[in-house]
Each structure stands twice: as C-alpha cells, then as structure tokens.
Amino acid sequence: MSLVHIFGARNVGRVCCRLLTSRNISCSIGHSSNGSTCDDSKVIDKQHDNRYTRSEEVNKITTLQFNHPEIQEILSRITGLDLAKVYRSRPQEENKMPTYKLLTDSEFKAAEAKAIQEAKRLLTMPPQLPERERKISDIIKIDKEFVGYDEDNANYVFTDISLSVVDQERRIVVRQPNGALRYATWSERDRMNQIYYPKPGRKLNAPALFRLDHLQNSFVQLRHADLLDLTVLQFEPDSLKYIQVHQQTYEDIILHKNYDLLRSTRHFGGLVYYLVKKNCFHGLLNDMLERKLISDACDLISLFCLMHPQSLFAKKMKEINISKLEMLKDYMESHESLSSNYDIDQLAQEDDNLTGEEVSIKYK
C-alpha cells in the first residue's frame, strides 16, 4: 500500500492510497476532474446522514427486546458462573506459567471476590442485532467524463478518515470505471475501516474457518465457544456472516443437545435468547431438568412469557400471582411430553439456588 495523493485544503486528513491486493484505490471525497472540490460531497453528506439516521432508528426498535433489562437479568442468571470454565485456557491465547501465592483467609476471600467480579465482566454477552440492510450500494451520480479514467480499470474508494467519525457513520463511496459514483458495499466499508482504524485481532480477510462449509470442523472438535469468540472478534454484530455463524453454531448445539458447551460462557445468553425467540427451547428445558437446574428452568419459562406475551400461557400467567416453581409446573402440565418425565417438587429440593419467593410476571 503506497501513498498517492492528498486532495485540497478541505480534505486534509483524507488520503488516497493504492490497495495492491484488491486493485482498489481509497481517496478523498469530492474531487472533480479539474482538481477542484465538486458539489457531490454535499449530496453525499445529505443522503448519507438520512440513510444512516433511519437505520439507527430501526435498530433501536428491533433490538429493544434483547437489551431489555429484565431479559438481560434473566439471561445473566441462566448463564451461570463456573470460574474453572470462565478462566479456562484457550487455544488462541499464549500459555502462561501459573503463579502461586501464600494468602491469609481475608486475602484469599478478597482475591476470590476480585476473580468473581472479573469473571462477570468476561461473561458480558455480545450484542444480538438484526441484519443490516443488504443493499446500500445505491448509485449517487453518473459522470461520463470519468469513464475509462484508470488504465487498470480499477475502482476508486473514497474514505473519510476523520478521527471524529465512528466507523458505522463513516462516509465511504466508490467511483467505478464506468463513471458511476456509488455508496460502498458493506464488505468495502468493513475493509476500509479495518485498514484505517484496525481492530486488534481482526484480519483484513476473514479466515477460511468461517466459511459455512468449514464450520463443521469446529463442531466436530466441540469448539463452539472458541468459534463464537473468533466470530465476535472478526465481524460486526449486524453483519450477515456474524449472524450466519451464530445461527449455524446454535443449530448444531440443538441437533446434538450439547447445551452445556456454552454454559458459563458469554455466548450462552445468546443461545437461550435464540431458542426462546424461535419457541424451540424444550430441549434446553429438558437439559436443565436433567442437571437439576430448577432455578434456571423457572427463569427459562419466565423468559418465554416476557418474549411471547401474546401466547395463551403468558396471558394466563399475567392474570395470576404464583411462584416461579408453580409457573414451571403449570407449564409442564400443559405439555404432556414434559410433565411425565420429572418430579419438579423433588428436584426443587435439590436446587440451592431456588427460593420460595412469590413473584408475578409483569409486562410493559
């Protein structure tokens, strides 16, 4: 990558460079054929601001459910906190020699509290966003005087690299050899943002392991959590690839009933949310009951009522005031395939996390 040109006083800090690998060029926005700044930049600014403002408003509405405080609280409880699993060594991390210290009882308790606090931070759930609008590369203008401007028939990518602009709102447009000026595609935007403001650990070209036909290699090795860790690192949470890898991983876990692979990881909440949203969580419910996690099973039913308030069961629970345990028993009695397999009262006595607190399901 070599520096080519800097355009005009107005575009100080907006750089033109040649990407040898993709044969594209990243340049400053709004440069005309005679070397002066053209009015296209004003059109781009206006259209860009409008389209991204609308996109943000849609995201706020559609992602409210996952970000809802009650749902986040339930998902955090269901995730669990297994320190051995949270602090497990990962293949992508450099191995470090363990350290040993002699501590008094008070020092040990302080160190344990600190470890628990850090573990809770590490279990912060990645966002679950709807897929971003696929078609964003609309043509802004066609200038015939730019037809055949490059001897290599290459695209020119114009990028605003101002420090005050966040990546999601950065103005990026492309001048094509046929004279068309258009908005950059998502792949072009992600590439330009990574070139100018690289995120640690993210590759410019996505590794082959993220190809849908290669995901099975990770699944066979039961490295679902590691795969999702790398996915969060490599892709934007509203990108198609991010969503596809998560969905494929969840579906493989459902198929083989390997729910425990993600328990006590930051990805378990996303799995639970995915299952409840699709209303296919009975496999997870059975897994919780088999592991005698009755409090988690109660929270799972509470989550179902919050996410599906129009269901007959949720409407019924809304009208009465019963304990979480009674609500779980009521749900299982309404599904014969579940109620005949477990003695809820007996299992409840073995779960120390379950309390007899009377609660009612509230909706907003």
Foldseek 3Di string as FASTA:
>chain_A
DDWDDAADPVQVVFTWDADVVQREIEGAPAADPVRDGDPVVVVLVVVLVVVLVVQVVVFCVVQCLCVPPLLVVLLLVLLDADLCVLPPDDPVDDDDDDDDDDDDPVRVVVVVVVSRVVLSVQLAADGATAAGDQDQFDWSDADQVQAQVDPVQHKYKYWRLDPVDDLSSTFIWIQGNNRTITGDGPLVSVLVCCVSPNDPPEDSDDDPCLPPVNVVVCVVVLNLVVVLVSLVRHDDNNHPSNVVSLVVSLVSCVVVVVLVSSRSGSCSSVSLVVCLLVVNCVSVLVVCVVVLVLVSNLSSLLSSLANCVPDPLNVVLQVDWAASLVSSQVVQVVPVVRNVPDDSVVSVVVHPPDDRDTGGRDYD
